[in-house]
C-alpha atoms as a PDB file:
ATOM      1  CA  MET A   1     105.445  83.024  75.736  1.00  0.00           C
ATOM      2  CA  SER A   2     107.883  83.726  77.873  1.00  0.00           C
ATOM      3  CA  ARG A   3     111.878  83.381  77.364  1.00  0.00           C
ATOM      4  CA  LYS A   4     111.678  80.811  80.168  1.00  0.00           C
ATOM      5  CA  ILE A   5     109.566  78.658  78.370  1.00  0.00           C
ATOM      6  CA  ASN A   6     111.398  79.044  75.225  1.00  0.00           C
ATOM      7  CA  LYS A   7     114.250  77.840  76.880  1.00  0.00           C
ATOM      8  CA  LEU A   8     112.681  74.752  77.738  1.00  0.00           C
ATOM      9  CA  LEU A   9     111.209  74.044  74.496  1.00  0.00           C
ATOM     10  CA  LYS A  10     114.716  73.279  73.775  1.00  0.00           C
ATOM     11  CA  ALA A  11     115.199  70.375  76.000  1.00  0.00           C
ATOM     12  CA  PHE A  12     112.623  68.542  73.842  1.00  0.00           C
ATOM     13  CA  PRO A  13     111.698  67.679  70.452  1.00  0.00           C
ATOM     14  CA  MET A  14     109.621  69.726  68.324  1.00  0.00           C
ATOM     15  CA  GLU A  15     106.545  67.258  67.941  1.00  0.00           C
ATOM     16  CA  LEU A  16     105.936  67.840  72.420  1.00  0.00           C
ATOM     17  CA  LYS A  17     106.016  71.275  71.864  1.00  0.00           C
ATOM     18  CA  GLU A  18     102.489  71.414  73.490  1.00  0.00           C
ATOM     19  CA  ASP A  19     102.866  68.403  75.760  1.00  0.00           C
ATOM     20  CA  VAL A  20     106.016  71.201  77.050  1.00  0.00           C
ATOM     21  CA  ILE A  21     103.530  74.405  77.302  1.00  0.00           C
ATOM     22  CA  LYS A  22     101.183  72.311  78.747  1.00  0.00           C
ATOM     23  CA  VAL A  23     103.415  70.630  81.584  1.00  0.00           C
ATOM     24  CA  LEU A  24     104.976  74.389  82.187  1.00  0.00           C
ATOM     25  CA  SER A  25     101.616  76.038  82.868  1.00  0.00           C
ATOM     26  CA  ILE A  26     101.187  74.457  85.634  1.00  0.00           C
ATOM     27  CA  VAL A  27     104.460  74.815  87.642  1.00  0.00           C
ATOM     28  CA  ASN A  28     105.578  77.354  89.618  1.00  0.00           C
ATOM     29  CA  HIS A  29     108.639  78.593  88.455  1.00  0.00           C
ATOM     30  CA  SER A  30     111.127  80.760  91.576  1.00  0.00           C
ATOM     31  CA  ASN A  31     112.956  83.611  90.763  1.00  0.00           C
ATOM     32  CA  LYS A  32     116.003  81.812  90.843  1.00  0.00           C
ATOM     33  CA  LEU A  33     114.698  79.903  87.376  1.00  0.00           C
ATOM     34  CA  ASP A  34     117.988  80.479  85.153  1.00  0.00           C
ATOM     35  CA  PHE A  35     118.107  78.323  82.176  1.00  0.00           C
ATOM     36  CA  SER A  36     122.358  79.625  81.172  1.00  0.00           C
ATOM     37  CA  TYR A  37     124.109  76.605  82.099  1.00  0.00           C
ATOM     38  CA  GLY A  38     122.737  73.241  80.076  1.00  0.00           C
ATOM     39  CA  PHE A  39     123.647  70.805  78.412  1.00  0.00           C
ATOM     40  CA  GLU A  40     122.978  70.258  73.762  1.00  0.00           C
ATOM     41  CA  VAL A  41     123.229  67.086  72.190  1.00  0.00           C
ATOM     42  CA  ASN A  42     120.972  65.226  69.160  1.00  0.00           C
ATOM     43  CA  TYR A  43     117.849  63.442  69.412  1.00  0.00           C
ATOM     44  CA  ARG A  44     117.677  61.564  65.468  1.00  0.00           C
ATOM     45  CA  GLY A  45     118.341  65.400  63.952  1.00  0.00           C
ATOM     46  CA  SER A  46     117.437  68.048  65.971  1.00  0.00           C
ATOM     47  CA  LYS A  47     119.691  70.273  68.695  1.00  0.00           C
ATOM     48  CA  LEU A  48     118.194  69.044  72.431  1.00  0.00           C
ATOM     49  CA  ASN A  49     119.485  72.094  74.697  1.00  0.00           C
ATOM     50  CA  ILE A  50     118.711  70.962  78.475  1.00  0.00           C
ATOM     51  CA  PRO A  51     119.392  72.299  81.042  1.00  0.00           C
ATOM     52  CA  GLU A  52     122.198  71.063  83.695  1.00  0.00           C
ATOM     53  CA  ARG A  53     120.020  72.483  86.949  1.00  0.00           C
ATOM     54  CA  ILE A  54     116.431  73.925  86.819  1.00  0.00           C
ATOM     55  CA  TYR A  55     114.987  75.717  90.291  1.00  0.00           C
ATOM     56  CA  ILE A  56     111.210  74.784  89.860  1.00  0.00           C
ATOM     57  CA  ASN A  57     109.000  73.947  92.563  1.00  0.00           C
ATOM     58  CA  GLU A  58     107.327  70.196  91.769  1.00  0.00           C
ATOM     59  CA  PRO A  59     103.507  71.134  90.801  1.00  0.00           C
ATOM     60  CA  SER A  60     100.768  69.579  93.827  1.00  0.00           C
ATOM     61  CA  LEU A  61      99.850  66.140  93.155  1.00  0.00           C
ATOM     62  CA  LEU A  62      96.408  67.492  91.645  1.00  0.00           C
ATOM     63  CA  GLN A  63      97.801  69.047  89.086  1.00  0.00           C
ATOM     64  CA  TYR A  64     100.642  66.057  88.597  1.00  0.00           C
ATOM     65  CA  SER A  65      97.440  64.251  88.188  1.00  0.00           C
ATOM     66  CA  SER A  66      95.842  66.226  86.011  1.00  0.00           C
ATOM     67  CA  LEU A  67      98.639  66.118  83.185  1.00  0.00           C
ATOM     68  CA  THR A  68      98.015  62.884  80.246  1.00  0.00           C
ATOM     69  CA  ASP A  69     101.068  59.977  81.021  1.00  0.00           C
ATOM     70  CA  ARG A  70     103.252  61.809  77.744  1.00  0.00           C
ATOM     71  CA  GLN A  71     102.816  65.370  79.554  1.00  0.00           C
ATOM     72  CA  GLN A  72     104.124  63.159  83.230  1.00  0.00           C
ATOM     73  CA  VAL A  73     107.372  62.105  81.900  1.00  0.00           C
ATOM     74  CA  VAL A  74     108.079  64.885  79.873  1.00  0.00           C
ATOM     75  CA  LEU A  75     107.855  66.353  83.541  1.00  0.00           C
ATOM     76  CA  ASN A  76     109.414  64.104  85.132  1.00  0.00           C
ATOM     77  CA  CYS A  77     112.067  64.274  82.309  1.00  0.00           C
ATOM     78  CA  VAL A  78     112.439  68.232  83.874  1.00  0.00           C
ATOM     79  CA  PHE A  79     112.478  67.815  87.295  1.00  0.00           C
ATOM     80  CA  THR A  80     115.764  65.277  86.551  1.00  0.00           C
ATOM     81  CA  ARG A  81     117.174  68.205  86.659  1.00  0.00           C
ATOM     82  CA  HIS A  82     116.151  69.694  89.867  1.00  0.00           C
ATOM     83  CA  HIS A  83     118.739  71.512  91.619  1.00  0.00           C
ATOM     84  CA  ASP A  84     117.466  68.651  94.956  1.00  0.00           C
ATOM     85  CA  GLY A  85     119.092  65.036  94.410  1.00  0.00           C
ATOM     86  CA  PHE A  86     116.337  63.651  95.924  1.00  0.00           C
ATOM     87  CA  ILE A  87     114.290  65.539  93.386  1.00  0.00           C
ATOM     88  CA  ARG A  88     116.247  64.016  90.752  1.00  0.00           C
ATOM     89  CA  GLU A  89     116.660  60.173  92.054  1.00  0.00           C
ATOM     90  CA  GLU A  90     112.176  60.898  92.334  1.00  0.00           C
ATOM     91  CA  ASN A  91     111.712  61.724  89.106  1.00  0.00           C
ATOM     92  CA  LEU A  92     114.221  59.577  87.589  1.00  0.00           C
ATOM     93  CA  LYS A  93     112.317  56.471  88.906  1.00  0.00           C
ATOM     94  CA  LYS A  94     108.772  57.332  87.585  1.00  0.00           C
ATOM     95  CA  LEU A  95     110.106  57.712  84.715  1.00  0.00           C
ATOM     96  CA  ILE A  96     112.969  55.475  83.942  1.00  0.00           C
ATOM     97  CA  LYS A  97     110.822  52.335  82.415  1.00  0.00           C
ATOM     98  CA  GLN A  98     109.629  53.978  79.830  1.00  0.00           C
ATOM     99  CA  CYS A  99     112.091  55.302  77.744  1.00  0.00           C
ATOM    100  CA  ASN A 100     111.115  52.062  75.516  1.00  0.00           C
ATOM    101  CA  ASP A 101     107.558  54.415  75.456  1.00  0.00           C
ATOM    102  CA  TYR A 102     108.912  57.254  75.146  1.00  0.00           C
ATOM    103  CA  ASN A 103     113.449  57.393  74.537  1.00  0.00           C
ATOM    104  CA  TRP A 104     113.185  61.022  73.699  1.00  0.00           C
ATOM    105  CA  ILE A 105     113.899  60.614  77.320  1.00  0.00           C
ATOM    106  CA  ILE A 106     117.265  58.826  76.790  1.00  0.00           C
ATOM    107  CA  PRO A 107     119.683  62.325  77.355  1.00  0.00           C
ATOM    108  CA  TYR A 108     117.514  62.970  80.884  1.00  0.00           C
ATOM    109  CA  ILE A 109     119.486  59.192  82.292  1.00  0.00           C
ATOM    110  CA  ILE A 110     122.027  59.565  80.248  1.00  0.00           C
ATOM    111  CA  GLN A 111     123.138  62.664  81.982  1.00  0.00           C
ATOM    112  CA  LEU A 112     122.325  61.210  85.545  1.00  0.00           C
ATOM    113  CA  THR A 113     124.665  58.253  84.475  1.00  0.00           C
ATOM    114  CA  GLY A 114     127.545  61.144  84.594  1.00  0.00           C
ATOM    115  CA  GLU A 115     126.428  62.800  88.496  1.00  0.00           C
ATOM    116  CA  TYR A 116     128.122  61.502  91.845  1.00  0.00           C
ATOM    117  CA  VAL A 117     124.725  61.008  93.640  1.00  0.00           C
ATOM    118  CA  ILE A 118     125.611  57.693  94.330  1.00  0.00           C
ATOM    119  CA  GLU A 119     121.449  56.410  94.561  1.00  0.00           C
ATOM    120  CA  ILE A 120     120.479  58.116  91.462  1.00  0.00           C
ATOM    121  CA  LEU A 121     123.147  55.878  89.717  1.00  0.00           C
ATOM    122  CA  GLN A 122     122.051  52.924  91.539  1.00  0.00           C
ATOM    123  CA  VAL A 123     118.644  53.688  90.184  1.00  0.00           C
ATOM    124  CA  ILE A 124     119.741  53.607  86.773  1.00  0.00           C
ATOM    125  CA  LYS A 125     121.441  50.416  86.773  1.00  0.00           C
ATOM    126  CA  ASP A 126     118.672  48.180  88.778  1.00  0.00           C
ATOM    127  CA  ASN A 127     116.490  49.521  86.050  1.00  0.00           C
ATOM    128  CA  LEU A 128     118.863  49.240  82.797  1.00  0.00           C
ATOM    129  CA  ASP A 129     116.698  45.564  81.679  1.00  0.00           C
ATOM    130  CA  SER A 130     114.485  47.806  81.437  1.00  0.00           C
ATOM    131  CA  ILE A 131     115.510  49.318  78.426  1.00  0.00           C
ATOM    132  CA  ASP A 132     116.661  48.858  74.899  1.00  0.00           C
ATOM    133  CA  LYS A 133     119.969  48.680  74.535  1.00  0.00           C
ATOM    134  CA  SER A 134     119.724  49.482  70.714  1.00  0.00           C
ATOM    135  CA  ILE A 135     117.974  52.541  72.353  1.00  0.00           C
ATOM    136  CA  ILE A 136     120.963  54.124  74.366  1.00  0.00           C
ATOM    137  CA  LYS A 137     123.648  52.494  71.155  1.00  0.00           C
ATOM    138  CA  GLU A 138     121.535  54.721  68.814  1.00  0.00           C
ATOM    139  CA  PHE A 139     121.906  57.694  71.031  1.00  0.00           C
ATOM    140  CA  ILE A 140     125.519  57.675  71.620  1.00  0.00           C
ATOM    141  CA  ALA A 141     126.617  56.718  68.477  1.00  0.00           C
ATOM    142  CA  GLU A 142     124.781  60.455  67.805  1.00  0.00           C
ATOM    143  CA  ASN A 143     126.171  61.790  70.193  1.00  0.00           C
ATOM    144  CA  ALA A 144     129.574  60.196  70.676  1.00  0.00           C
ATOM    145  CA  THR A 145     131.292  64.114  71.989  1.00  0.00           C
ATOM    146  CA  PHE A 146     128.735  64.341  74.885  1.00  0.00           C
ATOM    147  CA  TYR A 147     128.968  60.961  75.233  1.00  0.00           C
ATOM    148  CA  ASN A 148     132.886  60.437  75.972  1.00  0.00           C
ATOM    149  CA  THR A 149     132.421  63.915  78.381  1.00  0.00           C
ATOM    150  CA  ILE A 150     129.986  61.694  80.311  1.00  0.00           C
ATOM    151  CA  GLU A 151     132.207  59.133  80.593  1.00  0.00           C
ATOM    152  CA  SER A 152     135.259  60.746  81.731  1.00  0.00           C
ATOM    153  CA  ARG A 153     132.725  62.372  84.669  1.00  0.00           C
ATOM    154  CA  VAL A 154     132.008  58.611  86.317  1.00  0.00           C
ATOM    155  CA  ILE A 155     135.434  58.416  86.414  1.00  0.00           C
ATOM    156  CA  SER A 156     136.253  61.213  87.814  1.00  0.00           C
ATOM    157  CA  TYR A 157     133.813  61.206  90.528  1.00  0.00           C
ATOM    158  CA  TRP A 158     134.350  57.634  91.333  1.00  0.00           C
ATOM    159  CA  ASN A 159     138.226  59.245  91.575  1.00  0.00           C
ATOM    160  CA  CYS A 160     137.146  61.749  93.968  1.00  0.00           C
ATOM    161  CA  ASN A 161     134.499  60.185  96.419  1.00  0.00           C
ATOM    162  CA  TYR A 162     134.152  56.411  95.981  1.00  0.00           C
ATOM    163  CA  ARG A 163     137.379  55.749  95.163  1.00  0.00           C
ATOM    164  CA  SER A 164     138.214  54.726  99.478  1.00  0.00           C
ATOM    165  CA  LYS A 165     134.678  53.121  99.620  1.00  0.00           C
ATOM    166  CA  TYR A 166     135.233  51.085  95.904  1.00  0.00           C
ATOM    167  CA  PRO A 167     138.911  50.134  95.072  1.00  0.00           C
ATOM    168  CA  ALA A 168     138.465  48.387  92.094  1.00  0.00           C
ATOM    169  CA  LYS A 169     136.466  50.657  89.484  1.00  0.00           C
ATOM    170  CA  THR A 170     134.751  47.719  87.827  1.00  0.00           C
ATOM    171  CA  ASP A 171     133.046  47.646  91.719  1.00  0.00           C
ATOM    172  CA  TYR A 172     131.374  51.530  91.271  1.00  0.00           C
ATOM    173  CA  VAL A 173     127.981  51.805  90.309  1.00  0.00           C
ATOM    174  CA  GLY A 174     128.436  54.431  87.994  1.00  0.00           C
ATOM    175  CA  TYR A 175     131.313  52.680  85.574  1.00  0.00           C
ATOM    176  CA  GLU A 176     129.252  49.518  85.750  1.00  0.00           C
ATOM    177  CA  ILE A 177     126.835  50.786  84.047  1.00  0.00           C
ATOM    178  CA  ILE A 178     129.349  52.932  81.307  1.00  0.00           C
ATOM    179  CA  GLU A 179     129.523  49.076  81.253  1.00  0.00           C
ATOM    180  CA  TYR A 180     127.197  48.133  80.441  1.00  0.00           C
ATOM    181  CA  PHE A 181     125.756  51.319  77.602  1.00  0.00           C
ATOM    182  CA  ASN A 182     129.614  49.892  76.019  1.00  0.00           C
ATOM    183  CA  ALA A 183     129.053  46.652  75.540  1.00  0.00           C
END
């Protein structure tokens, strides 16, 4: 098994190993694939090491449709880490309503909350009611330091990029999401 696959296996709970291997078998890796920078989170007693950014070409629609529902969710999680914000947003839209069925999605959504692309943040905000809040609370409790970093990023991005458009940080979509998580 290649080093690249081994690294992506660590981004998911071990019980998904076969699904992750199947997903990665259909993905066309580019020469720029690099997982040296990632973030580590706890998930129900296990450590997940999720890449910050990936450089992988998306599979064809035919390849995508050959996957099981769970494998499609794995693939969508992987592509929420893509270097292209449009690809991150499209994959988020495909998976966000499945958090209650596959709660290992939560680290990917929380990480996206700490990013600067306002369209991605809007997708999260628009779908908060479809996520069981107890799953979010459980993840945050297990990952307090990680979550504090996400909160800091939200405020920082508001201050650097969106303060002129939203003078009150409470009007900024990223802050609204954080407030929902914290309530």
